[in-house]
Amino acid sequence: MLQNDSLYKRSHTKRLVEFTKLSHDSFKSFIEFDHQVLSEGHLSKKFKEVISIAVAHTTGCPHCIDHHVKQFKKLGGTKEEMAESIMVATALKAGSAMAHSVNTLNAYDEIEDDELYKASYFKRLKELGQLDGERFKAFINFDQQAMKAGLLTVKEKELIAIAVAHTTGCPYCIDIHTKSAKKAKVTKEEVAEAILVATLLKAGSAMSHGVNALNAYDE
């Protein structure tokens, strides 16, 4: 029985081990998946952790943020690098909403097309700038600043952007940032590893929230 109104405590994650009894084979497979994805590969462990931090901010998982920030710090990651990754995540989260405005314009203008996503639709984005110029310009400036090379390179930021775009579900963002990453000399193998980190963190968010389900069930 829960004794207070708190839905999130760091200590709640201790209940995750209960899944070894409740769903042993699946939980064991998840742990192995976690180990494989975050191990050294074409991308370093440290960089996979910085991707994890960015993605955790888009999945909204406080347990994931807490865990992966600590892992990143252990691997020598700085607060400034962490901040840059969060800014990329923020830009991509905002960018997903902005990108979908072209679908909004299509719907408002009652464009009869059974295809909801076409790369060519993205050309309509400039119309939003005409409809709300100052704020649109401010967003574009923020997006450009977030993606500029800093402590993290353009290549690294594009990989983070690809991972985040797979959690926001923005096909325009995936298309744009994958092409930008390729221009920045990112390999297909590196893209694949970044996507798998995003996949793990999306799964990890659901797994983490399992402790909330256990708490709720046992009330």
N, C-alpha and C. Protein backbone atom coordinates (compact mmCIF):
# COMPACT_ATOMS: atom_id res chain seq x y z
N MET A 1 0.85 -1.20 0.00
CA MET A 1 0.00 0.00 0.00
C MET A 1 0.89 1.25 0.00
N LEU A 2 0.68 2.14 -0.97
CA LEU A 2 1.46 3.38 -1.00
C LEU A 2 1.07 4.27 0.16
N GLN A 3 2.10 4.86 0.78
CA GLN A 3 1.85 5.68 1.96
C GLN A 3 1.80 7.18 1.66
N ASN A 4 2.04 7.56 0.40
CA ASN A 4 2.01 8.99 0.09
C ASN A 4 1.51 9.19 -1.34
N ASP A 5 1.50 10.43 -1.77
CA ASP A 5 0.93 10.80 -3.07
C ASP A 5 1.98 10.85 -4.18
N SER A 6 3.19 10.43 -3.89
CA SER A 6 4.28 10.54 -4.86
C SER A 6 4.21 9.45 -5.91
N LEU A 7 4.21 9.85 -7.19
CA LEU A 7 4.20 8.89 -8.30
C LEU A 7 5.61 8.57 -8.78
N TYR A 8 6.56 9.46 -8.51
CA TYR A 8 7.93 9.25 -8.98
C TYR A 8 8.93 9.43 -7.84
N LYS A 9 9.62 8.35 -7.53
CA LYS A 9 10.75 8.40 -6.62
C LYS A 9 11.86 7.56 -7.22
N ARG A 10 13.09 7.96 -7.01
CA ARG A 10 14.23 7.20 -7.51
C ARG A 10 14.18 5.76 -6.98
N SER A 11 13.77 5.63 -5.72
CA SER A 11 13.74 4.31 -5.08
C SER A 11 12.71 3.37 -5.70
N HIS A 12 11.72 3.92 -6.42
CA HIS A 12 10.70 3.07 -7.04
C HIS A 12 11.31 2.09 -8.04
N THR A 13 12.44 2.47 -8.65
CA THR A 13 13.03 1.61 -9.69
C THR A 13 13.51 0.27 -9.13
N LYS A 14 13.65 0.19 -7.81
CA LYS A 14 14.04 -1.09 -7.19
C LYS A 14 13.01 -2.18 -7.46
N ARG A 15 11.79 -1.76 -7.77
CA ARG A 15 10.73 -2.74 -8.02
C ARG A 15 10.86 -3.41 -9.39
N LEU A 16 11.73 -2.88 -10.25
CA LEU A 16 11.88 -3.46 -11.58
C LEU A 16 12.28 -4.94 -11.52
N VAL A 17 13.02 -5.31 -10.48
CA VAL A 17 13.46 -6.71 -10.37
C VAL A 17 12.28 -7.66 -10.24
N GLU A 18 11.13 -7.15 -9.83
CA GLU A 18 9.94 -8.00 -9.71
C GLU A 18 9.52 -8.59 -11.04
N PHE A 19 9.90 -7.89 -12.14
CA PHE A 19 9.53 -8.40 -13.46
C PHE A 19 10.29 -9.68 -13.80
N THR A 20 11.37 -9.97 -13.08
CA THR A 20 12.08 -11.23 -13.32
C THR A 20 11.21 -12.42 -12.95
N LYS A 21 10.30 -12.21 -12.00
CA LYS A 21 9.36 -13.28 -11.61
C LYS A 21 8.06 -13.19 -12.40
N LEU A 22 7.61 -11.96 -12.65
CA LEU A 22 6.31 -11.77 -13.30
C LEU A 22 6.34 -12.07 -14.79
N SER A 23 7.48 -11.77 -15.44
CA SER A 23 7.61 -12.01 -16.88
C SER A 23 9.09 -12.28 -17.18
N HIS A 24 9.56 -13.41 -16.70
CA HIS A 24 11.00 -13.69 -16.66
C HIS A 24 11.69 -13.61 -18.01
N ASP A 25 11.20 -14.36 -18.99
CA ASP A 25 11.89 -14.45 -20.28
C ASP A 25 11.93 -13.10 -21.01
N SER A 26 10.81 -12.40 -20.99
CA SER A 26 10.74 -11.10 -21.67
C SER A 26 11.65 -10.09 -20.99
N PHE A 27 11.62 -10.08 -19.65
CA PHE A 27 12.45 -9.12 -18.91
C PHE A 27 13.94 -9.43 -19.13
N LYS A 28 14.29 -10.68 -19.13
CA LYS A 28 15.68 -11.08 -19.38
C LYS A 28 16.13 -10.64 -20.77
N SER A 29 15.24 -10.80 -21.75
CA SER A 29 15.56 -10.38 -23.12
C SER A 29 15.73 -8.87 -23.21
N PHE A 30 14.90 -8.12 -22.45
CA PHE A 30 15.02 -6.66 -22.44
C PHE A 30 16.37 -6.25 -21.87
N ILE A 31 16.80 -6.87 -20.78
CA ILE A 31 18.08 -6.54 -20.15
C ILE A 31 19.23 -6.82 -21.11
N GLU A 32 19.15 -7.91 -21.85
CA GLU A 32 20.18 -8.23 -22.83
C GLU A 32 20.18 -7.20 -23.97
N PHE A 33 18.99 -6.80 -24.39
CA PHE A 33 18.85 -5.76 -25.42
C PHE A 33 19.52 -4.48 -24.95
N ASP A 34 19.25 -4.09 -23.71
CA ASP A 34 19.84 -2.89 -23.12
C ASP A 34 21.37 -2.98 -23.14
N HIS A 35 21.89 -4.12 -22.73
CA HIS A 35 23.35 -4.32 -22.68
C HIS A 35 23.97 -4.22 -24.07
N GLN A 36 23.36 -4.87 -25.05
CA GLN A 36 23.90 -4.89 -26.40
C GLN A 36 23.90 -3.49 -27.04
N VAL A 37 22.80 -2.78 -26.88
CA VAL A 37 22.65 -1.48 -27.53
C VAL A 37 23.64 -0.45 -26.98
N LEU A 38 23.86 -0.48 -25.67
CA LEU A 38 24.71 0.55 -25.05
C LEU A 38 26.19 0.16 -24.99
N SER A 39 26.54 -0.99 -25.53
CA SER A 39 27.94 -1.40 -25.55
C SER A 39 28.69 -0.66 -26.65
N GLU A 40 30.00 -0.65 -26.55
CA GLU A 40 30.86 0.03 -27.54
C GLU A 40 30.64 -0.56 -28.93
N GLY A 41 30.50 0.29 -29.91
CA GLY A 41 30.32 -0.17 -31.28
C GLY A 41 30.90 0.85 -32.24
N HIS A 42 30.16 1.15 -33.29
CA HIS A 42 30.59 2.23 -34.20
C HIS A 42 30.50 3.57 -33.46
N LEU A 43 29.62 3.64 -32.48
CA LEU A 43 29.52 4.81 -31.61
C LEU A 43 30.05 4.42 -30.23
N SER A 44 30.70 5.35 -29.56
CA SER A 44 31.27 5.08 -28.24
C SER A 44 30.17 4.96 -27.18
N LYS A 45 30.53 4.33 -26.06
CA LYS A 45 29.58 4.23 -24.94
C LYS A 45 29.17 5.63 -24.46
N LYS A 46 30.16 6.51 -24.38
CA LYS A 46 29.88 7.87 -23.91
C LYS A 46 28.89 8.57 -24.83
N PHE A 47 29.10 8.45 -26.14
CA PHE A 47 28.18 9.13 -27.05
C PHE A 47 26.80 8.50 -27.04
N LYS A 48 26.73 7.19 -26.84
CA LYS A 48 25.43 6.54 -26.74
C LYS A 48 24.67 7.04 -25.51
N GLU A 49 25.42 7.35 -24.46
CA GLU A 49 24.77 7.89 -23.26
C GLU A 49 24.26 9.31 -23.50
N VAL A 50 24.98 10.11 -24.29
CA VAL A 50 24.50 11.47 -24.56
C VAL A 50 23.26 11.42 -25.47
N ILE A 51 23.21 10.44 -26.37
CA ILE A 51 21.99 10.24 -27.16
C ILE A 51 20.85 9.83 -26.22
N SER A 52 21.17 8.95 -25.29
CA SER A 52 20.16 8.47 -24.34
C SER A 52 19.56 9.61 -23.53
N ILE A 53 20.40 10.54 -23.12
CA ILE A 53 19.91 11.70 -22.35
C ILE A 53 18.95 12.52 -23.19
N ALA A 54 19.33 12.78 -24.44
CA ALA A 54 18.46 13.57 -25.32
C ALA A 54 17.13 12.88 -25.53
N VAL A 55 17.16 11.58 -25.82
CA VAL A 55 15.93 10.84 -26.08
C VAL A 55 15.06 10.76 -24.83
N ALA A 56 15.69 10.58 -23.67
CA ALA A 56 14.93 10.51 -22.42
C ALA A 56 14.15 11.79 -22.15
N HIS A 57 14.66 12.91 -22.68
CA HIS A 57 13.93 14.18 -22.52
C HIS A 57 12.73 14.27 -23.46
N THR A 58 12.71 13.46 -24.50
CA THR A 58 11.55 13.46 -25.40
C THR A 58 10.55 12.37 -25.03
N THR A 59 11.02 11.32 -24.35
CA THR A 59 10.07 10.30 -23.89
C THR A 59 9.47 10.70 -22.55
N GLY A 60 10.11 11.66 -21.87
CA GLY A 60 9.58 12.14 -20.59
C GLY A 60 9.70 11.14 -19.46
N CYS A 61 10.85 10.46 -19.42
CA CYS A 61 11.07 9.43 -18.40
C CYS A 61 12.06 9.92 -17.36
N PRO A 62 11.60 10.32 -16.17
CA PRO A 62 12.50 10.86 -15.15
C PRO A 62 13.52 9.84 -14.65
N HIS A 63 13.10 8.57 -14.56
CA HIS A 63 14.04 7.53 -14.14
C HIS A 63 15.16 7.38 -15.16
N CYS A 64 14.80 7.44 -16.44
CA CYS A 64 15.80 7.31 -17.52
C CYS A 64 16.78 8.47 -17.50
N ILE A 65 16.27 9.68 -17.31
CA ILE A 65 17.13 10.86 -17.24
C ILE A 65 18.13 10.69 -16.09
N ASP A 66 17.63 10.34 -14.93
CA ASP A 66 18.47 10.17 -13.75
C ASP A 66 19.57 9.14 -14.00
N HIS A 67 19.20 8.00 -14.54
CA HIS A 67 20.17 6.91 -14.77
C HIS A 67 21.21 7.28 -15.82
N HIS A 68 20.76 7.77 -16.97
CA HIS A 68 21.70 7.99 -18.07
C HIS A 68 22.58 9.21 -17.87
N VAL A 69 22.12 10.21 -17.14
CA VAL A 69 22.99 11.35 -16.81
C VAL A 69 24.14 10.85 -15.93
N LYS A 70 23.83 10.00 -14.97
CA LYS A 70 24.88 9.47 -14.09
C LYS A 70 25.87 8.60 -14.85
N GLN A 71 25.37 7.79 -15.78
CA GLN A 71 26.25 6.96 -16.59
C GLN A 71 27.16 7.81 -17.48
N PHE A 72 26.57 8.85 -18.06
CA PHE A 72 27.32 9.78 -18.92
C PHE A 72 28.43 10.46 -18.13
N LYS A 73 28.10 10.90 -16.92
CA LYS A 73 29.09 11.57 -16.05
C LYS A 73 30.22 10.62 -15.70
N LYS A 74 29.90 9.36 -15.41
CA LYS A 74 30.92 8.37 -15.08
C LYS A 74 31.90 8.16 -16.23
N LEU A 75 31.41 8.34 -17.45
CA LEU A 75 32.23 8.13 -18.64
C LEU A 75 32.99 9.40 -19.05
N GLY A 76 32.92 10.41 -18.20
CA GLY A 76 33.68 11.64 -18.45
C GLY A 76 32.91 12.73 -19.16
N GLY A 77 31.61 12.55 -19.33
CA GLY A 77 30.78 13.56 -19.98
C GLY A 77 30.66 14.81 -19.13
N THR A 78 30.66 15.98 -19.78
CA THR A 78 30.56 17.24 -19.06
C THR A 78 29.12 17.78 -19.06
N LYS A 79 28.87 18.68 -18.14
CA LYS A 79 27.55 19.30 -18.05
C LYS A 79 27.24 20.10 -19.31
N GLU A 80 28.29 20.70 -19.89
CA GLU A 80 28.11 21.50 -21.12
C GLU A 80 27.72 20.62 -22.30
N GLU A 81 28.35 19.45 -22.43
CA GLU A 81 27.99 18.50 -23.50
C GLU A 81 26.54 18.03 -23.31
N MET A 82 26.20 17.75 -22.08
CA MET A 82 24.84 17.32 -21.75
C MET A 82 23.83 18.40 -22.15
N ALA A 83 24.15 19.65 -21.83
CA ALA A 83 23.26 20.76 -22.16
C ALA A 83 23.06 20.87 -23.67
N GLU A 84 24.13 20.69 -24.43
CA GLU A 84 24.02 20.76 -25.90
C GLU A 84 23.10 19.66 -26.43
N SER A 85 23.21 18.46 -25.87
CA SER A 85 22.36 17.37 -26.33
C SER A 85 20.89 17.65 -26.01
N ILE A 86 20.64 18.25 -24.86
CA ILE A 86 19.27 18.59 -24.47
C ILE A 86 18.70 19.66 -25.40
N MET A 87 19.54 20.61 -25.80
CA MET A 87 19.09 21.64 -26.73
C MET A 87 18.73 21.05 -28.10
N VAL A 88 19.49 20.05 -28.54
CA VAL A 88 19.15 19.37 -29.79
C VAL A 88 17.80 18.68 -29.65
N ALA A 89 17.61 17.99 -28.52
CA ALA A 89 16.34 17.31 -28.27
C ALA A 89 15.18 18.31 -28.25
N THR A 90 15.41 19.45 -27.62
CA THR A 90 14.38 20.49 -27.53
C THR A 90 14.03 21.03 -28.91
N ALA A 91 15.08 21.26 -29.72
CA ALA A 91 14.85 21.76 -31.08
C ALA A 91 14.09 20.75 -31.93
N LEU A 92 14.42 19.47 -31.77
CA LEU A 92 13.75 18.43 -32.55
C LEU A 92 12.32 18.20 -32.09
N LYS A 93 12.07 18.33 -30.80
CA LYS A 93 10.71 18.19 -30.27
C LYS A 93 9.85 19.33 -30.80
N ALA A 94 10.41 20.55 -30.73
CA ALA A 94 9.70 21.71 -31.29
C ALA A 94 9.59 21.59 -32.80
N GLY A 95 10.65 21.10 -33.42
CA GLY A 95 10.67 20.97 -34.88
C GLY A 95 9.64 20.00 -35.39
N SER A 96 9.35 18.96 -34.62
CA SER A 96 8.32 18.01 -35.00
C SER A 96 6.96 18.70 -35.08
N ALA A 97 6.66 19.51 -34.07
CA ALA A 97 5.40 20.26 -34.08
C ALA A 97 5.36 21.23 -35.25
N MET A 98 6.49 21.92 -35.47
CA MET A 98 6.57 22.88 -36.57
C MET A 98 6.40 22.18 -37.91
N ALA A 99 7.07 21.05 -38.10
CA ALA A 99 7.02 20.32 -39.37
C ALA A 99 5.60 19.88 -39.71
N HIS A 100 4.85 19.47 -38.68
CA HIS A 100 3.49 19.00 -38.92
C HIS A 100 2.53 20.13 -39.30
N SER A 101 3.01 21.37 -39.21
CA SER A 101 2.16 22.49 -39.63
C SER A 101 1.81 22.41 -41.11
N VAL A 102 2.68 21.76 -41.90
CA VAL A 102 2.37 21.64 -43.33
C VAL A 102 1.15 20.75 -43.55
N ASN A 103 0.98 19.75 -42.66
CA ASN A 103 -0.22 18.91 -42.72
C ASN A 103 -1.44 19.71 -42.30
N THR A 104 -1.23 20.61 -41.34
CA THR A 104 -2.33 21.48 -40.89
C THR A 104 -2.78 22.39 -42.02
N LEU A 105 -1.83 22.96 -42.73
CA LEU A 105 -2.16 23.84 -43.85
C LEU A 105 -2.91 23.06 -44.94
N ASN A 106 -2.47 21.83 -45.22
CA ASN A 106 -3.16 20.99 -46.20
C ASN A 106 -4.60 20.72 -45.79
N ALA A 107 -4.78 20.41 -44.48
CA ALA A 107 -6.12 20.12 -43.98
C ALA A 107 -7.00 21.36 -44.04
N TYR A 108 -6.44 22.51 -43.64
CA TYR A 108 -7.22 23.75 -43.64
C TYR A 108 -7.64 24.13 -45.05
N ASP A 109 -6.74 23.93 -45.99
CA ASP A 109 -7.03 24.28 -47.39
C ASP A 109 -7.80 23.20 -48.13
N GLU A 110 -8.16 22.13 -47.38
CA GLU A 110 -8.95 21.02 -47.93
C GLU A 110 -8.34 20.45 -49.21
N ILE A 111 -7.04 20.20 -49.13
CA ILE A 111 -6.34 19.59 -50.26
C ILE A 111 -6.70 18.11 -50.31
N GLU A 112 -7.28 17.70 -51.41
CA GLU A 112 -7.73 16.32 -51.57
C GLU A 112 -6.58 15.45 -52.06
N ASP A 113 -5.92 14.82 -51.13
CA ASP A 113 -4.80 13.93 -51.46
C ASP A 113 -4.79 12.83 -50.42
N ASP A 114 -4.83 11.58 -50.86
CA ASP A 114 -4.86 10.46 -49.93
C ASP A 114 -3.51 10.24 -49.25
N GLU A 115 -2.47 10.87 -49.80
CA GLU A 115 -1.13 10.77 -49.23
C GLU A 115 -0.94 11.86 -48.19
N LEU A 116 -0.76 11.47 -46.91
CA LEU A 116 -0.64 12.46 -45.84
C LEU A 116 0.78 12.98 -45.66
N TYR A 117 1.76 12.19 -46.08
CA TYR A 117 3.14 12.64 -45.95
C TYR A 117 3.86 12.55 -47.28
N LYS A 118 4.24 13.69 -47.80
CA LYS A 118 5.10 13.78 -48.97
C LYS A 118 6.24 14.74 -48.64
N ALA A 119 7.41 14.43 -49.11
CA ALA A 119 8.56 15.31 -48.86
C ALA A 119 8.28 16.71 -49.41
N SER A 120 7.55 16.76 -50.52
CA SER A 120 7.26 18.05 -51.16
C SER A 120 6.35 18.94 -50.31
N TYR A 121 5.58 18.34 -49.41
CA TYR A 121 4.71 19.15 -48.54
C TYR A 121 5.52 20.13 -47.71
N PHE A 122 6.76 19.75 -47.40
CA PHE A 122 7.58 20.57 -46.51
C PHE A 122 7.85 21.96 -47.06
N LYS A 123 7.67 22.11 -48.36
CA LYS A 123 7.87 23.42 -48.98
C LYS A 123 6.85 24.44 -48.46
N ARG A 124 5.74 23.95 -47.92
CA ARG A 124 4.70 24.85 -47.41
C ARG A 124 5.10 25.52 -46.09
N LEU A 125 6.20 25.05 -45.49
CA LEU A 125 6.60 25.59 -44.20
C LEU A 125 6.82 27.10 -44.25
N LYS A 126 7.30 27.58 -45.38
CA LYS A 126 7.55 29.03 -45.51
C LYS A 126 6.27 29.84 -45.36
N GLU A 127 5.11 29.20 -45.63
CA GLU A 127 3.83 29.91 -45.48
C GLU A 127 3.56 30.23 -44.02
N LEU A 128 4.03 29.37 -43.13
CA LEU A 128 3.85 29.64 -41.70
C LEU A 128 4.64 30.88 -41.31
N GLY A 129 5.79 31.05 -41.95
CA GLY A 129 6.58 32.26 -41.72
C GLY A 129 5.86 33.52 -42.16
N GLN A 130 5.05 33.38 -43.20
CA GLN A 130 4.27 34.53 -43.68
C GLN A 130 3.08 34.81 -42.76
N LEU A 131 2.55 33.75 -42.14
CA LEU A 131 1.39 33.89 -41.27
C LEU A 131 1.76 34.40 -39.87
N ASP A 132 2.96 34.05 -39.40
CA ASP A 132 3.39 34.45 -38.05
C ASP A 132 4.90 34.67 -38.07
N GLY A 133 5.30 35.70 -38.78
CA GLY A 133 6.70 35.93 -39.11
C GLY A 133 7.69 36.00 -37.98
N GLU A 134 7.45 36.84 -36.98
CA GLU A 134 8.44 37.05 -35.92
C GLU A 134 8.71 35.78 -35.13
N ARG A 135 7.64 35.07 -34.76
CA ARG A 135 7.81 33.86 -33.96
C ARG A 135 8.43 32.73 -34.80
N PHE A 136 8.06 32.67 -36.07
CA PHE A 136 8.64 31.68 -36.97
C PHE A 136 10.14 31.93 -37.11
N LYS A 137 10.52 33.18 -37.28
CA LYS A 137 11.93 33.54 -37.40
C LYS A 137 12.69 33.18 -36.12
N ALA A 138 12.07 33.39 -34.97
CA ALA A 138 12.71 33.07 -33.69
C ALA A 138 12.94 31.56 -33.57
N PHE A 139 11.97 30.78 -34.03
CA PHE A 139 12.14 29.33 -34.00
C PHE A 139 13.29 28.90 -34.90
N ILE A 140 13.34 29.42 -36.11
CA ILE A 140 14.39 29.05 -37.07
C ILE A 140 15.76 29.38 -36.49
N ASN A 141 15.87 30.54 -35.85
CA ASN A 141 17.14 30.94 -35.23
C ASN A 141 17.54 29.96 -34.13
N PHE A 142 16.56 29.60 -33.29
CA PHE A 142 16.84 28.64 -32.21
C PHE A 142 17.28 27.30 -32.78
N ASP A 143 16.58 26.81 -33.79
CA ASP A 143 16.91 25.53 -34.41
C ASP A 143 18.34 25.54 -34.97
N GLN A 144 18.68 26.61 -35.65
CA GLN A 144 20.02 26.71 -36.24
C GLN A 144 21.10 26.77 -35.17
N GLN A 145 20.84 27.51 -34.10
CA GLN A 145 21.81 27.62 -33.01
C GLN A 145 22.01 26.27 -32.32
N ALA A 146 20.91 25.54 -32.10
CA ALA A 146 20.98 24.25 -31.42
C ALA A 146 21.78 23.23 -32.22
N MET A 147 21.74 23.34 -33.56
CA MET A 147 22.40 22.36 -34.42
C MET A 147 23.82 22.77 -34.82
N LYS A 148 24.26 23.95 -34.40
CA LYS A 148 25.62 24.39 -34.70
C LYS A 148 26.64 23.57 -33.92
N ALA A 149 27.81 23.38 -34.50
CA ALA A 149 28.89 22.68 -33.80
C ALA A 149 29.29 23.45 -32.55
N GLY A 150 29.49 22.69 -31.48
CA GLY A 150 29.96 23.27 -30.23
C GLY A 150 30.93 22.27 -29.62
N LEU A 151 30.68 21.87 -28.39
CA LEU A 151 31.45 20.77 -27.82
C LEU A 151 31.09 19.47 -28.53
N LEU A 152 29.84 19.39 -29.00
CA LEU A 152 29.41 18.29 -29.85
C LEU A 152 29.53 18.75 -31.30
N THR A 153 30.03 17.89 -32.15
CA THR A 153 30.20 18.23 -33.56
C THR A 153 28.86 18.22 -34.30
N VAL A 154 28.86 18.77 -35.50
CA VAL A 154 27.65 18.73 -36.34
C VAL A 154 27.26 17.27 -36.58
N LYS A 155 28.24 16.44 -36.86
CA LYS A 155 27.98 15.01 -37.07
C LYS A 155 27.28 14.39 -35.86
N GLU A 156 27.78 14.67 -34.67
CA GLU A 156 27.19 14.12 -33.45
C GLU A 156 25.78 14.66 -33.23
N LYS A 157 25.60 15.96 -33.49
CA LYS A 157 24.28 16.55 -33.29
C LYS A 157 23.26 15.99 -34.28
N GLU A 158 23.70 15.71 -35.50
CA GLU A 158 22.78 15.13 -36.48
C GLU A 158 22.38 13.71 -36.08
N LEU A 159 23.30 12.96 -35.50
CA LEU A 159 22.97 11.63 -35.01
C LEU A 159 21.98 11.69 -33.85
N ILE A 160 22.17 12.65 -32.96
CA ILE A 160 21.21 12.85 -31.87
C ILE A 160 19.85 13.22 -32.45
N ALA A 161 19.86 14.10 -33.45
CA ALA A 161 18.62 14.54 -34.08
C ALA A 161 17.87 13.37 -34.72
N ILE A 162 18.60 12.48 -35.38
CA ILE A 162 17.96 11.30 -35.99
C ILE A 162 17.31 10.44 -34.91
N ALA A 163 18.04 10.20 -33.82
CA ALA A 163 17.49 9.39 -32.72
C ALA A 163 16.23 10.03 -32.15
N VAL A 164 16.29 11.32 -31.87
CA VAL A 164 15.13 12.01 -31.31
C VAL A 164 13.96 12.00 -32.28
N ALA A 165 14.24 12.19 -33.57
CA ALA A 165 13.17 12.19 -34.57
C ALA A 165 12.42 10.87 -34.62
N HIS A 166 13.11 9.78 -34.26
CA HIS A 166 12.45 8.47 -34.23
C HIS A 166 11.56 8.32 -33.00
N THR A 167 11.72 9.19 -32.01
CA THR A 167 10.83 9.15 -30.85
C THR A 167 9.69 10.15 -30.98
N THR A 168 9.90 11.21 -31.76
CA THR A 168 8.80 12.17 -31.98
C THR A 168 7.91 11.71 -33.13
N GLY A 169 8.42 10.78 -33.95
CA GLY A 169 7.62 10.25 -35.06
C GLY A 169 7.40 11.24 -36.18
N CYS A 170 8.41 12.06 -36.46
CA CYS A 170 8.30 13.08 -37.50
C CYS A 170 9.02 12.62 -38.77
N PRO A 171 8.29 12.18 -39.78
CA PRO A 171 8.93 11.69 -41.00
C PRO A 171 9.74 12.75 -41.73
N TYR A 172 9.29 14.01 -41.65
CA TYR A 172 10.04 15.10 -42.29
C TYR A 172 11.40 15.27 -41.61
N CYS A 173 11.39 15.22 -40.25
CA CYS A 173 12.62 15.39 -39.48
C CYS A 173 13.60 14.25 -39.76
N ILE A 174 13.08 13.02 -39.84
CA ILE A 174 13.94 11.87 -40.14
C ILE A 174 14.60 12.06 -41.51
N ASP A 175 13.80 12.45 -42.49
CA ASP A 175 14.30 12.63 -43.85
C ASP A 175 15.38 13.72 -43.89
N ILE A 176 15.10 14.86 -43.31
CA ILE A 176 16.02 16.00 -43.36
C ILE A 176 17.32 15.72 -42.61
N HIS A 177 17.19 15.19 -41.39
CA HIS A 177 18.40 15.01 -40.58
C HIS A 177 19.23 13.80 -41.01
N THR A 178 18.61 12.80 -41.58
CA THR A 178 19.40 11.69 -42.13
C THR A 178 20.23 12.17 -43.31
N LYS A 179 19.64 12.99 -44.16
CA LYS A 179 20.38 13.54 -45.30
C LYS A 179 21.48 14.49 -44.84
N SER A 180 21.19 15.28 -43.81
CA SER A 180 22.21 16.19 -43.26
C SER A 180 23.34 15.40 -42.60
N ALA A 181 22.98 14.31 -41.93
CA ALA A 181 23.98 13.46 -41.30
C ALA A 181 24.91 12.83 -42.35
N LYS A 182 24.31 12.39 -43.44
CA LYS A 182 25.11 11.79 -44.52
C LYS A 182 26.10 12.80 -45.08
N LYS A 183 25.66 14.06 -45.22
CA LYS A 183 26.56 15.12 -45.69
C LYS A 183 27.70 15.36 -44.70
N ALA A 184 27.41 15.11 -43.43
CA ALA A 184 28.42 15.30 -42.37
C ALA A 184 29.29 14.05 -42.20
N LYS A 185 29.22 13.11 -43.17
CA LYS A 185 30.06 11.91 -43.20
C LYS A 185 29.67 10.86 -42.15
N VAL A 186 28.41 10.87 -41.74
CA VAL A 186 27.91 9.82 -40.86
C VAL A 186 27.70 8.56 -41.69
N THR A 187 28.09 7.41 -41.15
CA THR A 187 27.91 6.16 -41.87
C THR A 187 26.53 5.56 -41.57
N LYS A 188 26.11 4.64 -42.43
CA LYS A 188 24.82 3.97 -42.22
C LYS A 188 24.84 3.15 -40.93
N GLU A 189 26.01 2.60 -40.61
CA GLU A 189 26.15 1.82 -39.37
C GLU A 189 25.97 2.71 -38.13
N GLU A 190 26.50 3.91 -38.19
CA GLU A 190 26.34 4.85 -37.07
C GLU A 190 24.88 5.27 -36.93
N VAL A 191 24.22 5.49 -38.06
CA VAL A 191 22.79 5.82 -38.04
C VAL A 191 22.00 4.69 -37.39
N ALA A 192 22.32 3.46 -37.77
CA ALA A 192 21.62 2.30 -37.23
C ALA A 192 21.79 2.21 -35.72
N GLU A 193 23.01 2.45 -35.24
CA GLU A 193 23.25 2.38 -33.80
C GLU A 193 22.50 3.49 -33.05
N ALA A 194 22.45 4.68 -33.64
CA ALA A 194 21.71 5.78 -33.01
C ALA A 194 20.22 5.45 -32.92
N ILE A 195 19.68 4.84 -33.98
CA ILE A 195 18.27 4.46 -33.99
C ILE A 195 17.99 3.40 -32.93
N LEU A 196 18.92 2.47 -32.77
CA LEU A 196 18.72 1.42 -31.76
C LEU A 196 18.79 1.98 -30.35
N VAL A 197 19.61 3.01 -30.14
CA VAL A 197 19.61 3.68 -28.83
C VAL A 197 18.24 4.32 -28.58
N ALA A 198 17.70 4.98 -29.61
CA ALA A 198 16.36 5.58 -29.49
C ALA A 198 15.31 4.52 -29.21
N THR A 199 15.43 3.38 -29.89
CA THR A 199 14.49 2.27 -29.69
C THR A 199 14.57 1.75 -28.26
N LEU A 200 15.80 1.58 -27.77
CA LEU A 200 16.00 1.12 -26.40
C LEU A 200 15.39 2.09 -25.39
N LEU A 201 15.65 3.38 -25.59
CA LEU A 201 15.15 4.39 -24.64
C LEU A 201 13.63 4.49 -24.67
N LYS A 202 13.05 4.28 -25.84
CA LYS A 202 11.58 4.26 -25.93
C LYS A 202 11.03 3.06 -25.16
N ALA A 203 11.69 1.91 -25.36
CA ALA A 203 11.29 0.71 -24.61
C ALA A 203 11.58 0.89 -23.12
N GLY A 204 12.74 1.49 -22.82
CA GLY A 204 13.12 1.70 -21.43
C GLY A 204 12.17 2.60 -20.68
N SER A 205 11.62 3.57 -21.39
CA SER A 205 10.63 4.46 -20.78
C SER A 205 9.40 3.66 -20.36
N ALA A 206 8.93 2.78 -21.25
CA ALA A 206 7.78 1.93 -20.92
C ALA A 206 8.11 1.00 -19.76
N MET A 207 9.33 0.42 -19.80
CA MET A 207 9.76 -0.48 -18.74
C MET A 207 9.83 0.25 -17.41
N SER A 208 10.40 1.45 -17.44
CA SER A 208 10.53 2.25 -16.22
C SER A 208 9.18 2.56 -15.60
N HIS A 209 8.21 2.88 -16.47
CA HIS A 209 6.87 3.18 -15.96
C HIS A 209 6.18 1.95 -15.40
N GLY A 210 6.78 0.78 -15.66
CA GLY A 210 6.23 -0.44 -15.06
C GLY A 210 6.18 -0.39 -13.55
N VAL A 211 7.12 0.33 -12.93
CA VAL A 211 7.09 0.43 -11.46
C VAL A 211 5.87 1.22 -11.00
N ASN A 212 5.45 2.19 -11.83
CA ASN A 212 4.23 2.92 -11.49
C ASN A 212 3.01 2.00 -11.55
N ALA A 213 3.02 1.10 -12.55
CA ALA A 213 1.91 0.14 -12.67
C ALA A 213 1.89 -0.80 -11.46
N LEU A 214 3.07 -1.25 -11.06
CA LEU A 214 3.14 -2.13 -9.89
C LEU A 214 2.64 -1.41 -8.64
N ASN A 215 3.05 -0.15 -8.48
CA ASN A 215 2.58 0.63 -7.34
C ASN A 215 1.08 0.80 -7.35
N ALA A 216 0.54 1.11 -8.54
CA ALA A 216 -0.90 1.32 -8.66
C ALA A 216 -1.67 0.02 -8.39
N TYR A 217 -1.15 -1.08 -8.92
CA TYR A 217 -1.81 -2.37 -8.76
C TYR A 217 -1.86 -2.79 -7.28
N ASP A 218 -0.79 -2.46 -6.55
CA ASP A 218 -0.68 -2.90 -5.16
C ASP A 218 -1.33 -1.97 -4.15
N GLU A 219 -1.93 -0.90 -4.63
CA GLU A 219 -2.57 0.04 -3.70
C GLU A 219 -3.71 -0.64 -2.93
